[in-house]
Amino acid sequence: MKTLYLIRHAKSSWSFDLNDHDRPLGKRGRKDVIKMGQHLASNQPNPEIFISSTASRALYTALHICDQMGVDEGQIRLEKGLYHAGANEILQIVQSAPECDRLAVFGHNPGFTSIANAMANSSFDNIPTCGIVGIDFNAKYWKDVKFGEGALSFFYFPKEI
């Protein structure tokens, strides 16, 4: 059994004259990511591997989630390909992940909403910022995970918590 945690970055700031890749978390994002990290840590087992987009807002979301889960930030692997990735690119990253039972991937919409819908046959209109989707797969290896073969395990988002 494999569980994939798809974690969309927390709300970013538009206060700085930076390119999109470098935008940091905003005030609401910093508040939400702590709340979501605590909720995830209290309700689900820790992922064993964390893969994050290199975009600042995704990386800082991963760092804060790890802090709340008591996980060393050295566990985070950076993947440039997650920035602006679509469902097919995200699937390739998941399929090439090191073996573990629980994998957390931090990234962006619209790709995360698309892959959640494709993997778990769901109908999300939008995974909100700092939303976390858990998908279970009856697979032995990540390389065997495919679209349409997952089952939605949980969906958490800040306004619900």
Protein backbone atom coordinates (compact mmCIF):
# COMPACT_ATOMS: atom_id res chain seq x y z
CA MET A 1 0.00 0.00 0.00
CA LYS A 2 1.24 3.45 -0.96
CA THR A 3 -0.11 6.81 0.19
CA LEU A 4 0.57 9.99 -1.73
CA TYR A 5 0.15 13.33 0.03
CA LEU A 6 -0.37 16.12 -2.52
CA ILE A 7 0.21 19.42 -0.71
CA ARG A 8 -0.46 22.65 -2.54
CA HIS A 9 1.70 25.54 -1.40
CA ALA A 10 0.27 27.98 1.13
CA LYS A 11 -0.97 31.44 0.12
CA SER A 12 1.83 33.53 -1.33
CA SER A 13 2.60 37.22 -1.05
CA TRP A 14 2.33 39.72 -3.88
CA SER A 15 3.97 42.47 -1.78
CA PHE A 16 7.39 42.18 -3.38
CA ASP A 17 8.61 42.90 -6.88
CA LEU A 18 9.79 39.35 -7.52
CA ASN A 19 9.33 36.90 -10.31
CA ASP A 20 6.67 34.24 -9.76
CA HIS A 21 9.15 31.52 -8.80
CA ASP A 22 10.57 33.60 -5.95
CA ARG A 23 7.37 34.83 -4.28
CA PRO A 24 7.38 34.02 -0.51
CA LEU A 25 4.48 33.01 1.68
CA GLY A 26 2.12 35.79 2.69
CA LYS A 27 0.81 36.46 6.19
CA ARG A 28 -2.24 34.20 5.70
CA GLY A 29 -0.04 31.50 4.14
CA ARG A 30 2.32 31.49 7.14
CA LYS A 31 -0.64 31.16 9.50
CA ASP A 32 -2.38 28.45 7.44
CA VAL A 33 0.70 26.28 6.92
CA ILE A 34 1.33 26.00 10.67
CA LYS A 35 -2.31 25.08 11.28
CA MET A 36 -2.30 22.54 8.45
CA GLY A 37 1.00 21.02 9.53
CA GLN A 38 -0.31 20.53 13.06
CA HIS A 39 -3.54 19.01 11.74
CA LEU A 40 -1.70 16.66 9.39
CA ALA A 41 0.71 15.60 12.16
CA SER A 42 -2.21 14.85 14.49
CA ASN A 43 -4.30 12.92 11.98
CA GLN A 44 -1.98 11.07 9.58
CA PRO A 45 1.29 9.18 9.80
CA ASN A 46 4.32 11.17 8.71
CA PRO A 47 5.42 10.83 5.12
CA GLU A 48 8.84 9.23 4.78
CA ILE A 49 9.96 11.25 1.78
CA PHE A 50 9.18 14.88 0.93
CA ILE A 51 9.60 16.28 -2.59
CA SER A 52 9.08 19.98 -3.19
CA SER A 53 8.95 22.33 -6.12
CA THR A 54 11.90 24.73 -6.05
CA ALA A 55 9.51 27.73 -5.96
CA SER A 56 9.92 29.63 -2.69
CA ARG A 57 6.27 29.33 -1.65
CA ALA A 58 6.29 25.53 -2.13
CA LEU A 59 9.63 25.05 -0.37
CA TYR A 60 8.60 27.20 2.59
CA THR A 61 5.34 25.26 2.81
CA ALA A 62 7.38 22.03 2.94
CA LEU A 63 9.72 23.49 5.58
CA HIS A 64 6.84 24.57 7.84
CA ILE A 65 4.98 21.27 7.43
CA CYS A 66 8.17 19.38 8.34
CA ASP A 67 8.62 21.60 11.41
CA GLN A 68 5.10 20.81 12.60
CA MET A 69 5.63 17.09 12.01
CA GLY A 70 8.99 17.04 13.77
CA VAL A 71 10.76 16.03 10.56
CA ASP A 72 14.26 17.29 9.75
CA GLU A 73 14.31 19.69 6.79
CA GLY A 74 17.12 17.59 5.32
CA GLN A 75 14.42 15.08 4.35
CA ILE A 76 13.10 17.49 1.68
CA ARG A 77 14.23 16.80 -1.87
CA LEU A 78 13.92 19.60 -4.41
CA GLU A 79 12.44 18.94 -7.83
CA LYS A 80 12.57 21.79 -10.33
CA GLY A 81 10.19 19.91 -12.61
CA LEU A 82 7.26 20.42 -10.20
CA TYR A 83 7.13 24.14 -10.96
CA HIS A 84 4.28 24.61 -13.49
CA ALA A 85 4.02 20.82 -13.91
CA GLY A 86 0.91 19.23 -15.34
CA ALA A 87 -0.57 15.91 -14.26
CA ASN A 88 1.66 13.83 -16.56
CA GLU A 89 4.87 15.46 -15.29
CA ILE A 90 3.79 15.08 -11.66
CA LEU A 91 2.96 11.41 -12.27
CA GLN A 92 6.47 10.85 -13.70
CA ILE A 93 8.00 12.46 -10.58
CA VAL A 94 5.87 10.26 -8.31
CA GLN A 95 6.71 7.13 -10.31
CA SER A 96 10.44 7.87 -10.03
CA ALA A 97 10.35 8.60 -6.28
CA PRO A 98 12.52 6.54 -3.95
CA GLU A 99 10.66 3.65 -2.40
CA CYS A 100 8.71 4.37 0.77
CA ASP A 101 5.13 3.81 1.91
CA ARG A 102 4.14 7.49 2.29
CA LEU A 103 5.31 10.23 -0.08
CA ALA A 104 4.57 13.96 0.25
CA VAL A 105 4.79 16.17 -2.84
CA PHE A 106 4.58 19.98 -2.59
CA GLY A 107 3.60 22.00 -5.63
CA HIS A 108 1.13 24.09 -7.52
CA ASN A 109 -2.21 24.35 -9.26
CA PRO A 110 -3.59 23.69 -11.77
CA GLY A 111 -1.40 20.57 -11.92
CA PHE A 112 -2.24 19.37 -8.41
CA THR A 113 -5.99 19.57 -8.93
CA SER A 114 -5.61 17.77 -12.27
CA ILE A 115 -3.51 14.93 -10.88
CA ALA A 116 -5.72 14.47 -7.81
CA ASN A 117 -8.74 14.12 -10.07
CA ALA A 118 -6.94 11.78 -12.48
CA MET A 119 -5.40 9.54 -9.82
CA ALA A 120 -8.40 9.14 -7.52
CA ASN A 121 -11.24 9.57 -10.03
CA SER A 122 -12.27 12.62 -8.01
CA SER A 123 -14.02 15.80 -9.03
CA PHE A 124 -12.15 18.58 -7.26
CA ASP A 125 -12.93 21.98 -8.77
CA ASN A 126 -9.87 23.41 -7.06
CA ILE A 127 -7.46 22.32 -4.36
CA PRO A 128 -7.13 25.54 -2.35
CA THR A 129 -3.83 26.97 -1.16
CA CYS A 130 -2.40 24.77 1.60
CA GLY A 131 -4.90 22.06 0.70
CA ILE A 132 -3.74 18.50 1.35
CA VAL A 133 -5.06 15.50 -0.57
CA GLY A 134 -4.23 11.94 0.48
CA ILE A 135 -4.52 9.20 -2.12
CA ASP A 136 -4.02 5.48 -1.39
CA PHE A 137 -2.77 3.03 -3.99
CA ASN A 138 -2.77 -0.74 -3.91
CA ALA A 139 0.73 -0.87 -5.36
CA LYS A 140 4.04 -2.25 -4.18
CA TYR A 141 6.23 0.29 -6.02
CA TRP A 142 5.76 3.95 -6.94
CA LYS A 143 6.67 3.10 -10.53
CA ASP A 144 3.44 1.07 -10.71
CA VAL A 145 1.13 3.93 -9.63
CA LYS A 146 -1.18 5.00 -12.46
CA PHE A 147 -4.04 7.39 -13.19
CA GLY A 148 -7.42 6.10 -12.06
CA GLU A 149 -6.03 3.50 -9.67
CA GLY A 150 -5.98 5.51 -6.44
CA ALA A 151 -8.61 5.98 -3.75
CA LEU A 152 -9.16 9.29 -1.99
CA SER A 153 -8.12 8.84 1.63
CA PHE A 154 -8.47 12.40 2.97
CA PHE A 155 -8.80 16.04 1.94
CA TYR A 156 -7.88 18.84 4.33
CA PHE A 157 -7.90 22.57 3.65
CA PRO A 158 -7.48 25.62 5.89
CA LYS A 159 -11.09 26.84 5.95
CA GLU A 160 -12.22 23.38 7.10
CA ILE A 161 -9.73 23.15 9.96
